[in-house]
Amino acid sequence: MTQTPAEFEQGHQRFMQTSNTTAHQGLLQDTLVPPIPLQVLGEAKGRFYTPDALARKCSRALFPRTTNQYGCVTLHSYHCYGEEGVPKTQGLLWVYGEQVRAMLDNVLRAE
């Protein structure tokens, strides 16, 4: 629900603050007192990676593909429509969670 990367980052920080300071159902079920992640985990932090290391770790989610005559690409047995009018064009399928995005010429063409 944001328009710029800066707004996205600010929204993400607000979400993390709310998430880390609000009682969670899973912690209530485990009878942890208090059931608040920040207090359960303390000051535990995630791992930080350099952009190069992160790209290497996430590269398995990028699949180079060439569009067919209809602008479609295939990933396993799934056909993803990229864009009409770009036959035989090299692009990338980016799999993130349950989303698949088709990128051609570094432009998001389909999601």
PDB file of N, CA and C in Angstrom:
ATOM      1  N   MET A   1       0.815  -1.200   0.000  1.00  0.00           N
ATOM      2  CA  MET A   1       0.000   0.000   0.000  1.00  0.00           C
ATOM      3  C   MET A   1       0.857   1.262   0.000  1.00  0.00           C
ATOM      4  N   THR A   2       2.073   1.155  -0.525  1.00  0.00           N
ATOM      5  CA  THR A   2       2.951   2.314  -0.565  1.00  0.00           C
ATOM      6  C   THR A   2       3.283   2.652  -2.009  1.00  0.00           C
ATOM      7  N   GLN A   3       3.815   3.849  -2.183  1.00  0.00           N
ATOM      8  CA  GLN A   3       4.135   4.312  -3.527  1.00  0.00           C
ATOM      9  C   GLN A   3       5.638   4.374  -3.790  1.00  0.00           C
ATOM     10  N   THR A   4       6.436   4.461  -2.737  1.00  0.00           N
ATOM     11  CA  THR A   4       7.886   4.594  -2.908  1.00  0.00           C
ATOM     12  C   THR A   4       8.607   3.591  -2.017  1.00  0.00           C
ATOM     13  N   PRO A   5       9.865   3.284  -2.342  1.00  0.00           N
ATOM     14  CA  PRO A   5      10.641   2.396  -1.468  1.00  0.00           C
ATOM     15  C   PRO A   5      10.770   2.941  -0.045  1.00  0.00           C
ATOM     16  N   ALA A   6      10.899   4.257   0.110  1.00  0.00           N
ATOM     17  CA  ALA A   6      11.016   4.846   1.452  1.00  0.00           C
ATOM     18  C   ALA A   6       9.731   4.624   2.247  1.00  0.00           C
ATOM     19  N   GLU A   7       8.575   4.820   1.626  1.00  0.00           N
ATOM     20  CA  GLU A   7       7.299   4.557   2.308  1.00  0.00           C
ATOM     21  C   GLU A   7       7.184   3.088   2.677  1.00  0.00           C
ATOM     22  N   PHE A   8       7.639   2.203   1.782  1.00  0.00           N
ATOM     23  CA  PHE A   8       7.608   0.774   2.063  1.00  0.00           C
ATOM     24  C   PHE A   8       8.451   0.460   3.297  1.00  0.00           C
ATOM     25  N   GLU A   9       9.659   1.003   3.356  1.00  0.00           N
ATOM     26  CA  GLU A   9      10.558   0.766   4.492  1.00  0.00           C
ATOM     27  C   GLU A   9       9.941   1.287   5.790  1.00  0.00           C
ATOM     28  N   GLN A  10       9.345   2.463   5.751  1.00  0.00           N
ATOM     29  CA  GLN A  10       8.702   3.017   6.944  1.00  0.00           C
ATOM     30  C   GLN A  10       7.539   2.147   7.388  1.00  0.00           C
ATOM     31  N   GLY A  11       6.733   1.688   6.455  1.00  0.00           N
ATOM     32  CA  GLY A  11       5.609   0.804   6.774  1.00  0.00           C
ATOM     33  C   GLY A  11       6.089  -0.511   7.356  1.00  0.00           C
ATOM     34  N   HIS A  12       7.165  -1.039   6.795  1.00  0.00           N
ATOM     35  CA  HIS A  12       7.726  -2.297   7.308  1.00  0.00           C
ATOM     36  C   HIS A  12       8.231  -2.112   8.744  1.00  0.00           C
ATOM     37  N   GLN A  13       8.899  -1.006   9.009  1.00  0.00           N
ATOM     38  CA  GLN A  13       9.387  -0.746  10.369  1.00  0.00           C
ATOM     39  C   GLN A  13       8.226  -0.614  11.356  1.00  0.00           C
ATOM     40  N   ARG A  14       7.139   0.055  10.947  1.00  0.00           N
ATOM     41  CA  ARG A  14       5.952   0.157  11.824  1.00  0.00           C
ATOM     42  C   ARG A  14       5.352  -1.224  12.083  1.00  0.00           C
ATOM     43  N   PHE A  15       5.273  -2.040  11.032  1.00  0.00           N
ATOM     44  CA  PHE A  15       4.750  -3.394  11.188  1.00  0.00           C
ATOM     45  C   PHE A  15       5.596  -4.194  12.170  1.00  0.00           C
ATOM     46  N   MET A  16       6.927  -4.147  12.001  1.00  0.00           N
ATOM     47  CA  MET A  16       7.812  -4.907  12.884  1.00  0.00           C
ATOM     48  C   MET A  16       7.669  -4.445  14.332  1.00  0.00           C
ATOM     49  N   GLN A  17       7.559  -3.151  14.554  1.00  0.00           N
ATOM     50  CA  GLN A  17       7.392  -2.634  15.915  1.00  0.00           C
ATOM     51  C   GLN A  17       6.091  -3.155  16.520  1.00  0.00           C
ATOM     52  N   THR A  18       5.009  -3.091  15.756  1.00  0.00           N
ATOM     53  CA  THR A  18       3.721  -3.589  16.244  1.00  0.00           C
ATOM     54  C   THR A  18       3.777  -5.097  16.477  1.00  0.00           C
ATOM     55  N   SER A  19       4.342  -5.826  15.529  1.00  0.00           N
ATOM     56  CA  SER A  19       4.424  -7.281  15.632  1.00  0.00           C
ATOM     57  C   SER A  19       5.248  -7.720  16.839  1.00  0.00           C
ATOM     58  N   ASN A  20       6.346  -7.024  17.089  1.00  0.00           N
ATOM     59  CA  ASN A  20       7.240  -7.415  18.176  1.00  0.00           C
ATOM     60  C   ASN A  20       6.749  -6.994  19.554  1.00  0.00           C
ATOM     61  N   THR A  21       5.734  -6.151  19.608  1.00  0.00           N
ATOM     62  CA  THR A  21       5.262  -5.671  20.913  1.00  0.00           C
ATOM     63  C   THR A  21       3.808  -6.041  21.179  1.00  0.00           C
ATOM     64  N   THR A  22       3.250  -6.945  20.380  1.00  0.00           N
ATOM     65  CA  THR A  22       1.862  -7.369  20.513  1.00  0.00           C
ATOM     66  C   THR A  22       1.827  -8.852  20.865  1.00  0.00           C
ATOM     67  N   ALA A  23       0.937  -9.236  21.768  1.00  0.00           N
ATOM     68  CA  ALA A  23       0.801 -10.651  22.134  1.00  0.00           C
ATOM     69  C   ALA A  23       0.415 -11.466  20.902  1.00  0.00           C
ATOM     70  N   HIS A  24       1.068 -12.612  20.720  1.00  0.00           N
ATOM     71  CA  HIS A  24       0.823 -13.482  19.580  1.00  0.00           C
ATOM     72  C   HIS A  24       0.109 -14.749  20.029  1.00  0.00           C
ATOM     73  N   GLN A  25      -0.821 -15.213  19.220  1.00  0.00           N
ATOM     74  CA  GLN A  25      -1.603 -16.414  19.540  1.00  0.00           C
ATOM     75  C   GLN A  25      -0.714 -17.621  19.813  1.00  0.00           C
ATOM     76  N   GLY A  26       0.328 -17.829  18.990  1.00  0.00           N
ATOM     77  CA  GLY A  26       1.202 -18.983  19.170  1.00  0.00           C
ATOM     78  C   GLY A  26       1.906 -18.959  20.513  1.00  0.00           C
ATOM     79  N   LEU A  27       2.271 -17.777  20.962  1.00  0.00           N
ATOM     80  CA  LEU A  27       2.940 -17.668  22.257  1.00  0.00           C
ATOM     81  C   LEU A  27       1.945 -17.830  23.397  1.00  0.00           C
ATOM     82  N   LEU A  28       0.708 -17.425  23.178  1.00  0.00           N
ATOM     83  CA  LEU A  28      -0.340 -17.662  24.191  1.00  0.00           C
ATOM     84  C   LEU A  28      -0.577 -19.154  24.348  1.00  0.00           C
ATOM     85  N   GLN A  29      -0.627 -19.881  23.228  1.00  0.00           N
ATOM     86  CA  GLN A  29      -0.860 -21.326  23.270  1.00  0.00           C
ATOM     87  C   GLN A  29       0.292 -22.060  23.941  1.00  0.00           C
ATOM     88  N   ASP A  30       1.511 -21.536  23.806  1.00  0.00           N
ATOM     89  CA  ASP A  30       2.670 -22.153  24.454  1.00  0.00           C
ATOM     90  C   ASP A  30       2.797 -21.731  25.909  1.00  0.00           C
ATOM     91  N   THR A  31       1.847 -20.952  26.369  1.00  0.00           N
ATOM     92  CA  THR A  31       1.782 -20.436  27.751  1.00  0.00           C
ATOM     93  C   THR A  31       3.041 -19.667  28.148  1.00  0.00           C
ATOM     94  N   LEU A  32       3.640 -18.984  27.187  1.00  0.00           N
ATOM     95  CA  LEU A  32       4.779 -18.129  27.502  1.00  0.00           C
ATOM     96  C   LEU A  32       4.265 -16.836  28.109  1.00  0.00           C
ATOM     97  N   VAL A  33       4.855 -16.429  29.201  1.00  0.00           N
ATOM     98  CA  VAL A  33       4.440 -15.200  29.870  1.00  0.00           C
ATOM     99  C   VAL A  33       5.657 -14.288  29.944  1.00  0.00           C
ATOM    100  N   PRO A  34       5.610 -13.113  29.384  1.00  0.00           N
ATOM    101  CA  PRO A  34       4.525 -12.556  28.576  1.00  0.00           C
ATOM    102  C   PRO A  34       4.582 -13.102  27.142  1.00  0.00           C
ATOM    103  N   PRO A  35       3.463 -13.123  26.472  1.00  0.00           N
ATOM    104  CA  PRO A  35       3.414 -13.672  25.104  1.00  0.00           C
ATOM    105  C   PRO A  35       3.782 -12.644  24.039  1.00  0.00           C
ATOM    106  N   ILE A  36       4.804 -11.861  24.302  1.00  0.00           N
ATOM    107  CA  ILE A  36       5.211 -10.801  23.385  1.00  0.00           C
ATOM    108  C   ILE A  36       6.577 -11.171  22.812  1.00  0.00           C
ATOM    109  N   PRO A  37       6.715 -11.272  21.488  1.00  0.00           N
ATOM    110  CA  PRO A  37       7.945 -11.748  20.860  1.00  0.00           C
ATOM    111  C   PRO A  37       9.211 -11.047  21.334  1.00  0.00           C
ATOM    112  N   LEU A  38       9.183  -9.724  21.439  1.00  0.00           N
ATOM    113  CA  LEU A  38      10.390  -8.997  21.805  1.00  0.00           C
ATOM    114  C   LEU A  38      10.884  -9.426  23.181  1.00  0.00           C
ATOM    115  N   GLN A  39       9.956  -9.678  24.101  1.00  0.00           N
ATOM    116  CA  GLN A  39      10.356 -10.094  25.450  1.00  0.00           C
ATOM    117  C   GLN A  39      10.740 -11.568  25.486  1.00  0.00           C
ATOM    118  N   VAL A  40      10.124 -12.387  24.629  1.00  0.00           N
ATOM    119  CA  VAL A  40      10.472 -13.805  24.571  1.00  0.00           C
ATOM    120  C   VAL A  40      11.851 -13.981  23.936  1.00  0.00           C
ATOM    121  N   LEU A  41      12.103 -13.260  22.855  1.00  0.00           N
ATOM    122  CA  LEU A  41      13.355 -13.405  22.121  1.00  0.00           C
ATOM    123  C   LEU A  41      14.463 -12.501  22.646  1.00  0.00           C
ATOM    124  N   GLY A  42      14.114 -11.558  23.490  1.00  0.00           N
ATOM    125  CA  GLY A  42      15.123 -10.614  23.954  1.00  0.00           C
ATOM    126  C   GLY A  42      15.551  -9.713  22.822  1.00  0.00           C
ATOM    127  N   GLU A  43      16.809  -9.437  22.764  1.00  0.00           N
ATOM    128  CA  GLU A  43      17.336  -8.566  21.713  1.00  0.00           C
ATOM    129  C   GLU A  43      17.923  -9.357  20.554  1.00  0.00           C
ATOM    130  N   ALA A  44      17.437 -10.582  20.352  1.00  0.00           N
ATOM    131  CA  ALA A  44      17.939 -11.421  19.257  1.00  0.00           C
ATOM    132  C   ALA A  44      17.749 -10.687  17.933  1.00  0.00           C
ATOM    133  N   LYS A  45      18.713 -10.778  17.092  1.00  0.00           N
ATOM    134  CA  LYS A  45      18.664 -10.133  15.780  1.00  0.00           C
ATOM    135  C   LYS A  45      18.837 -11.185  14.697  1.00  0.00           C
ATOM    136  N   GLY A  46      18.341 -10.887  13.539  1.00  0.00           N
ATOM    137  CA  GLY A  46      18.562 -11.763  12.398  1.00  0.00           C
ATOM    138  C   GLY A  46      19.972 -11.595  11.869  1.00  0.00           C
ATOM    139  N   ARG A  47      20.261 -12.282  10.802  1.00  0.00           N
ATOM    140  CA  ARG A  47      21.577 -12.182  10.171  1.00  0.00           C
ATOM    141  C   ARG A  47      21.558 -11.088   9.113  1.00  0.00           C
ATOM    142  N   PHE A  48      22.648 -10.364   9.007  1.00  0.00           N
ATOM    143  CA  PHE A  48      22.798  -9.371   7.964  1.00  0.00           C
ATOM    144  C   PHE A  48      23.735  -9.929   6.900  1.00  0.00           C
ATOM    145  N   TYR A  49      23.379  -9.749   5.642  1.00  0.00           N
ATOM    146  CA  TYR A  49      24.183 -10.223   4.524  1.00  0.00           C
ATOM    147  C   TYR A  49      24.547  -9.045   3.633  1.00  0.00           C
ATOM    148  N   THR A  50      25.713  -9.142   3.000  1.00  0.00           N
ATOM    149  CA  THR A  50      26.059  -8.142   2.000  1.00  0.00           C
ATOM    150  C   THR A  50      25.133  -8.341   0.802  1.00  0.00           C
ATOM    151  N   PRO A  51      24.953  -7.333  -0.018  1.00  0.00           N
ATOM    152  CA  PRO A  51      24.097  -7.508  -1.198  1.00  0.00           C
ATOM    153  C   PRO A  51      24.546  -8.673  -2.090  1.00  0.00           C
ATOM    154  N   ASP A  52      25.853  -8.873  -2.241  1.00  0.00           N
ATOM    155  CA  ASP A  52      26.341  -9.990  -3.067  1.00  0.00           C
ATOM    156  C   ASP A  52      25.986 -11.337  -2.455  1.00  0.00           C
ATOM    157  N   ALA A  53      26.193 -11.471  -1.147  1.00  0.00           N
ATOM    158  CA  ALA A  53      25.868 -12.732  -0.464  1.00  0.00           C
ATOM    159  C   ALA A  53      24.365 -12.995  -0.524  1.00  0.00           C
ATOM    160  N   LEU A  54      23.566 -11.947  -0.359  1.00  0.00           N
ATOM    161  CA  LEU A  54      22.119 -12.107  -0.422  1.00  0.00           C
ATOM    162  C   LEU A  54      21.684 -12.520  -1.824  1.00  0.00           C
ATOM    163  N   ALA A  55      22.292 -11.936  -2.843  1.00  0.00           N
ATOM    164  CA  ALA A  55      21.964 -12.306  -4.231  1.00  0.00           C
ATOM    165  C   ALA A  55      22.285 -13.771  -4.482  1.00  0.00           C
ATOM    166  N   ARG A  56      23.418 -14.252  -3.947  1.00  0.00           N
ATOM    167  CA  ARG A  56      23.777 -15.665  -4.119  1.00  0.00           C
ATOM    168  C   ARG A  56      22.761 -16.564  -3.413  1.00  0.00           C
ATOM    169  N   LYS A  57      22.342 -16.189  -2.217  1.00  0.00           N
ATOM    170  CA  LYS A  57      21.398 -17.017  -1.471  1.00  0.00           C
ATOM    171  C   LYS A  57      20.013 -17.032  -2.121  1.00  0.00           C
ATOM    172  N   CYS A  58      19.642 -15.942  -2.781  1.00  0.00           N
ATOM    173  CA  CYS A  58      18.308 -15.851  -3.378  1.00  0.00           C
ATOM    174  C   CYS A  58      18.289 -16.213  -4.852  1.00  0.00           C
ATOM    175  N   SER A  59      19.436 -16.511  -5.422  1.00  0.00           N
ATOM    176  CA  SER A  59      19.492 -16.733  -6.862  1.00  0.00           C
ATOM    177  C   SER A  59      18.688 -17.947  -7.299  1.00  0.00           C
ATOM    178  N   ARG A  60      18.454 -18.892  -6.397  1.00  0.00           N
ATOM    179  CA  ARG A  60      17.677 -20.072  -6.776  1.00  0.00           C
ATOM    180  C   ARG A  60      16.239 -19.711  -7.124  1.00  0.00           C
ATOM    181  N   ALA A  61      15.802 -18.535  -6.718  1.00  0.00           N
ATOM    182  CA  ALA A  61      14.435 -18.121  -6.997  1.00  0.00           C
ATOM    183  C   ALA A  61      14.315 -17.395  -8.336  1.00  0.00           C
ATOM    184  N   LEU A  62      15.438 -17.198  -9.031  1.00  0.00           N
ATOM    185  CA  LEU A  62      15.413 -16.554 -10.340  1.00  0.00           C
ATOM    186  C   LEU A  62      15.620 -17.605 -11.416  1.00  0.00           C
ATOM    187  N   PHE A  63      14.729 -17.626 -12.391  1.00  0.00           N
ATOM    188  CA  PHE A  63      14.795 -18.622 -13.448  1.00  0.00           C
ATOM    189  C   PHE A  63      14.834 -17.933 -14.808  1.00  0.00           C
ATOM    190  N   PRO A  64      15.987 -17.936 -15.473  1.00  0.00           N
ATOM    191  CA  PRO A  64      16.048 -17.350 -16.816  1.00  0.00           C
ATOM    192  C   PRO A  64      15.174 -18.165 -17.771  1.00  0.00           C
ATOM    193  N   ARG A  65      14.385 -17.496 -18.550  1.00  0.00           N
ATOM    194  CA  ARG A  65      13.514 -18.161 -19.513  1.00  0.00           C
ATOM    195  C   ARG A  65      13.427 -17.311 -20.772  1.00  0.00           C
ATOM    196  N   THR A  66      13.086 -17.962 -21.875  1.00  0.00           N
ATOM    197  CA  THR A  66      12.854 -17.278 -23.146  1.00  0.00           C
ATOM    198  C   THR A  66      11.391 -17.431 -23.498  1.00  0.00           C
ATOM    199  N   THR A  67      10.753 -16.333 -23.855  1.00  0.00           N
ATOM    200  CA  THR A  67       9.332 -16.392 -24.182  1.00  0.00           C
ATOM    201  C   THR A  67       9.124 -17.165 -25.477  1.00  0.00           C
ATOM    202  N   ASN A  68       7.972 -17.814 -25.577  1.00  0.00           N
ATOM    203  CA  ASN A  68       7.628 -18.498 -26.823  1.00  0.00           C
ATOM    204  C   ASN A  68       6.996 -17.498 -27.784  1.00  0.00           C
ATOM    205  N   GLN A  69       6.444 -17.982 -28.874  1.00  0.00           N
ATOM    206  CA  GLN A  69       5.871 -17.080 -29.887  1.00  0.00           C
ATOM    207  C   GLN A  69       4.667 -16.297 -29.380  1.00  0.00           C
ATOM    208  N   TYR A  70       4.081 -16.719 -28.237  1.00  0.00           N
ATOM    209  CA  TYR A  70       2.907 -16.044 -27.690  1.00  0.00           C
ATOM    210  C   TYR A  70       3.257 -15.126 -26.516  1.00  0.00           C
ATOM    211  N   GLY A  71       4.540 -15.027 -26.154  1.00  0.00           N
ATOM    212  CA  GLY A  71       4.949 -14.209 -25.024  1.00  0.00           C
ATOM    213  C   GLY A  71       4.847 -14.942 -23.693  1.00  0.00           C
ATOM    214  N   CYS A  72       4.748 -16.268 -23.737  1.00  0.00           N
ATOM    215  CA  CYS A  72       4.633 -17.072 -22.518  1.00  0.00           C
ATOM    216  C   CYS A  72       5.967 -17.726 -22.185  1.00  0.00           C
ATOM    217  N   VAL A  73       6.164 -17.987 -20.900  1.00  0.00           N
ATOM    218  CA  VAL A  73       7.326 -18.745 -20.442  1.00  0.00           C
ATOM    219  C   VAL A  73       6.823 -19.918 -19.615  1.00  0.00           C
ATOM    220  N   THR A  74       7.659 -20.932 -19.481  1.00  0.00           N
ATOM    221  CA  THR A  74       7.278 -22.136 -18.746  1.00  0.00           C
ATOM    222  C   THR A  74       8.218 -22.345 -17.577  1.00  0.00           C
ATOM    223  N   LEU A  75       7.654 -22.669 -16.433  1.00  0.00           N
ATOM    224  CA  LEU A  75       8.420 -23.058 -15.249  1.00  0.00           C
ATOM    225  C   LEU A  75       7.837 -24.372 -14.788  1.00  0.00           C
ATOM    226  N   HIS A  76       8.620 -25.419 -14.912  1.00  0.00           N
ATOM    227  CA  HIS A  76       8.153 -26.788 -14.673  1.00  0.00           C
ATOM    228  C   HIS A  76       6.988 -27.041 -15.624  1.00  0.00           C
ATOM    229  N   SER A  77       5.811 -27.335 -15.130  1.00  0.00           N
ATOM    230  CA  SER A  77       4.693 -27.568 -16.047  1.00  0.00           C
ATOM    231  C   SER A  77       3.728 -26.383 -16.085  1.00  0.00           C
ATOM    232  N   TYR A  78       4.129 -25.256 -15.498  1.00  0.00           N
ATOM    233  CA  TYR A  78       3.264 -24.080 -15.465  1.00  0.00           C
ATOM    234  C   TYR A  78       3.633 -23.116 -16.576  1.00  0.00           C
ATOM    235  N   HIS A  79       2.631 -22.552 -17.227  1.00  0.00           N
ATOM    236  CA  HIS A  79       2.838 -21.562 -18.269  1.00  0.00           C
ATOM    237  C   HIS A  79       2.476 -20.196 -17.709  1.00  0.00           C
ATOM    238  N   CYS A  80       3.390 -19.259 -17.811  1.00  0.00           N
ATOM    239  CA  CYS A  80       3.170 -17.903 -17.314  1.00  0.00           C
ATOM    240  C   CYS A  80       3.182 -16.946 -18.488  1.00  0.00           C
ATOM    241  N   TYR A  81       2.164 -16.137 -18.594  1.00  0.00           N
ATOM    242  CA  TYR A  81       2.077 -15.170 -19.677  1.00  0.00           C
ATOM    243  C   TYR A  81       2.939 -13.964 -19.327  1.00  0.00           C
ATOM    244  N   GLY A  82       3.887 -13.627 -20.187  1.00  0.00           N
ATOM    245  CA  GLY A  82       4.761 -12.477 -19.968  1.00  0.00           C
ATOM    246  C   GLY A  82       4.186 -11.228 -20.590  1.00  0.00           C
ATOM    247  N   GLU A  83       4.241 -11.149 -21.900  1.00  0.00           N
ATOM    248  CA  GLU A  83       3.664 -10.007 -22.594  1.00  0.00           C
ATOM    249  C   GLU A  83       3.577 -10.311 -24.077  1.00  0.00           C
ATOM    250  N   GLU A  84       2.475  -9.925 -24.675  1.00  0.00           N
ATOM    251  CA  GLU A  84       2.281 -10.121 -26.108  1.00  0.00           C
ATOM    252  C   GLU A  84       3.253  -9.234 -26.875  1.00  0.00           C
ATOM    253  N   GLY A  85       3.754  -9.726 -27.967  1.00  0.00           N
ATOM    254  CA  GLY A  85       4.616  -8.919 -28.813  1.00  0.00           C
ATOM    255  C   GLY A  85       6.087  -8.996 -28.453  1.00  0.00           C
ATOM    256  N   VAL A  86       6.468  -9.926 -27.595  1.00  0.00           N
ATOM    257  CA  VAL A  86       7.886 -10.091 -27.260  1.00  0.00           C
ATOM    258  C   VAL A  86       8.288 -11.553 -27.429  1.00  0.00           C
ATOM    259  N   PRO A  87       8.070 -12.102 -28.647  1.00  0.00           N
ATOM    260  CA  PRO A  87       8.436 -13.504 -28.849  1.00  0.00           C
ATOM    261  C   PRO A  87       9.944 -13.709 -28.795  1.00  0.00           C
ATOM    262  N   LYS A  88      10.335 -14.875 -28.293  1.00  0.00           N
ATOM    263  CA  LYS A  88      11.745 -15.286 -28.249  1.00  0.00           C
ATOM    264  C   LYS A  88      12.628 -14.256 -27.531  1.00  0.00           C
ATOM    265  N   THR A  89      12.122 -13.701 -26.428  1.00  0.00           N
ATOM    266  CA  THR A  89      12.843 -12.697 -25.656  1.00  0.00           C
ATOM    267  C   THR A  89      13.306 -13.315 -24.343  1.00  0.00           C
ATOM    268  N   GLN A  90      14.578 -13.084 -23.993  1.00  0.00           N
ATOM    269  CA  GLN A  90      15.114 -13.595 -22.738  1.00  0.00           C
ATOM    270  C   GLN A  90      14.563 -12.759 -21.580  1.00  0.00           C
ATOM    271  N   GLY A  91      14.138 -13.430 -20.521  1.00  0.00           N
ATOM    272  CA  GLY A  91      13.637 -12.750 -19.336  1.00  0.00           C
ATOM    273  C   GLY A  91      13.874 -13.598 -18.107  1.00  0.00           C
ATOM    274  N   LEU A  92      13.316 -13.161 -16.991  1.00  0.00           N
ATOM    275  CA  LEU A  92      13.459 -13.873 -15.727  1.00  0.00           C
ATOM    276  C   LEU A  92      12.104 -14.130 -15.111  1.00  0.00           C
ATOM    277  N   LEU A  93      11.946 -15.315 -14.535  1.00  0.00           N
ATOM    278  CA  LEU A  93      10.817 -15.567 -13.652  1.00  0.00           C
ATOM    279  C   LEU A  93      11.370 -15.468 -12.238  1.00  0.00           C
ATOM    280  N   TRP A  94      10.719 -14.690 -11.412  1.00  0.00           N
ATOM    281  CA  TRP A  94      11.154 -14.486 -10.043  1.00  0.00           C
ATOM    282  C   TRP A  94      10.094 -15.081  -9.138  1.00  0.00           C
ATOM    283  N   VAL A  95      10.467 -16.112  -8.399  1.00  0.00           N
ATOM    284  CA  VAL A  95       9.532 -16.784  -7.488  1.00  0.00           C
ATOM    285  C   VAL A  95       9.824 -16.286  -6.091  1.00  0.00           C
ATOM    286  N   TYR A  96       8.812 -15.704  -5.458  1.00  0.00           N
ATOM    287  CA  TYR A  96       8.952 -15.174  -4.102  1.00  0.00           C
ATOM    288  C   TYR A  96       7.719 -15.590  -3.319  1.00  0.00           C
ATOM    289  N   GLY A  97       7.900 -16.522  -2.382  1.00  0.00           N
ATOM    290  CA  GLY A  97       6.753 -17.031  -1.628  1.00  0.00           C
ATOM    291  C   GLY A  97       5.787 -17.703  -2.569  1.00  0.00           C
ATOM    292  N   GLU A  98       4.567 -17.232  -2.589  1.00  0.00           N
ATOM    293  CA  GLU A  98       3.546 -17.802  -3.469  1.00  0.00           C
ATOM    294  C   GLU A  98       3.353 -16.970  -4.722  1.00  0.00           C
ATOM    295  N   GLN A  99       4.221 -15.987  -4.937  1.00  0.00           N
ATOM    296  CA  GLN A  99       4.096 -15.117  -6.101  1.00  0.00           C
ATOM    297  C   GLN A  99       5.122 -15.483  -7.156  1.00  0.00           C
ATOM    298  N   VAL A 100       4.733 -15.307  -8.395  1.00  0.00           N
ATOM    299  CA  VAL A 100       5.645 -15.462  -9.527  1.00  0.00           C
ATOM    300  C   VAL A 100       5.568 -14.174 -10.327  1.00  0.00           C
ATOM    301  N   ARG A 101       6.724 -13.609 -10.626  1.00  0.00           N
ATOM    302  CA  ARG A 101       6.774 -12.376 -11.409  1.00  0.00           C
ATOM    303  C   ARG A 101       7.602 -12.615 -12.664  1.00  0.00           C
ATOM    304  N   ALA A 102       7.128 -12.100 -13.776  1.00  0.00           N
ATOM    305  CA  ALA A 102       7.868 -12.190 -15.043  1.00  0.00           C
ATOM    306  C   ALA A 102       8.494 -10.824 -15.319  1.00  0.00           C
ATOM    307  N   MET A 103       9.827 -10.844 -15.523  1.00  0.00           N
ATOM    308  CA  MET A 103      10.545  -9.617 -15.799  1.00  0.00           C
ATOM    309  C   MET A 103      11.228  -9.732 -17.151  1.00  0.00           C
ATOM    310  N   LEU A 104      11.005  -8.756 -17.994  1.00  0.00           N
ATOM    311  CA  LEU A 104      11.656  -8.687 -19.299  1.00  0.00           C
ATOM    312  C   LEU A 104      12.322  -7.325 -19.405  1.00  0.00           C
ATOM    313  N   ASP A 105      13.580  -7.299 -19.784  1.00  0.00           N
ATOM    314  CA  ASP A 105      14.333  -6.047 -19.897  1.00  0.00           C
ATOM    315  C   ASP A 105      14.290  -5.250 -18.597  1.00  0.00           C
ATOM    316  N   ASN A 106      14.388  -5.964 -17.460  1.00  0.00           N
ATOM    317  CA  ASN A 106      14.379  -5.351 -16.121  1.00  0.00           C
ATOM    318  C   ASN A 106      13.090  -4.585 -15.823  1.00  0.00           C
ATOM    319  N   VAL A 107      12.018  -4.951 -16.482  1.00  0.00           N
ATOM    320  CA  VAL A 107      10.717  -4.330 -16.241  1.00  0.00           C
ATOM    321  C   VAL A 107       9.747  -5.426 -15.845  1.00  0.00           C
ATOM    322  N   LEU A 108       9.002  -5.210 -14.769  1.00  0.00           N
ATOM    323  CA  LEU A 108       7.995  -6.177 -14.351  1.00  0.00           C
ATOM    324  C   LEU A 108       6.873  -6.186 -15.375  1.00  0.00           C
ATOM    325  N   ARG A 109       6.654  -7.342 -16.002  1.00  0.00           N
ATOM    326  CA  ARG A 109       5.630  -7.444 -17.054  1.00  0.00           C
ATOM    327  C   ARG A 109       4.389  -8.177 -16.592  1.00  0.00           C
ATOM    328  N   ALA A 110       4.548  -9.093 -15.625  1.00  0.00           N
ATOM    329  CA  ALA A 110       3.389  -9.861 -15.165  1.00  0.00           C
ATOM    330  C   ALA A 110       3.646 -10.298 -13.748  1.00  0.00           C
ATOM    331  N   GLU A 111       2.549 -10.445 -12.992  1.00  0.00           N
ATOM    332  CA  GLU A 111       2.663 -10.888 -11.595  1.00  0.00           C
ATOM    333  C   GLU A 111       1.520 -11.825 -11.294  1.00  0.00           C
TER     334      GLU A 111
END
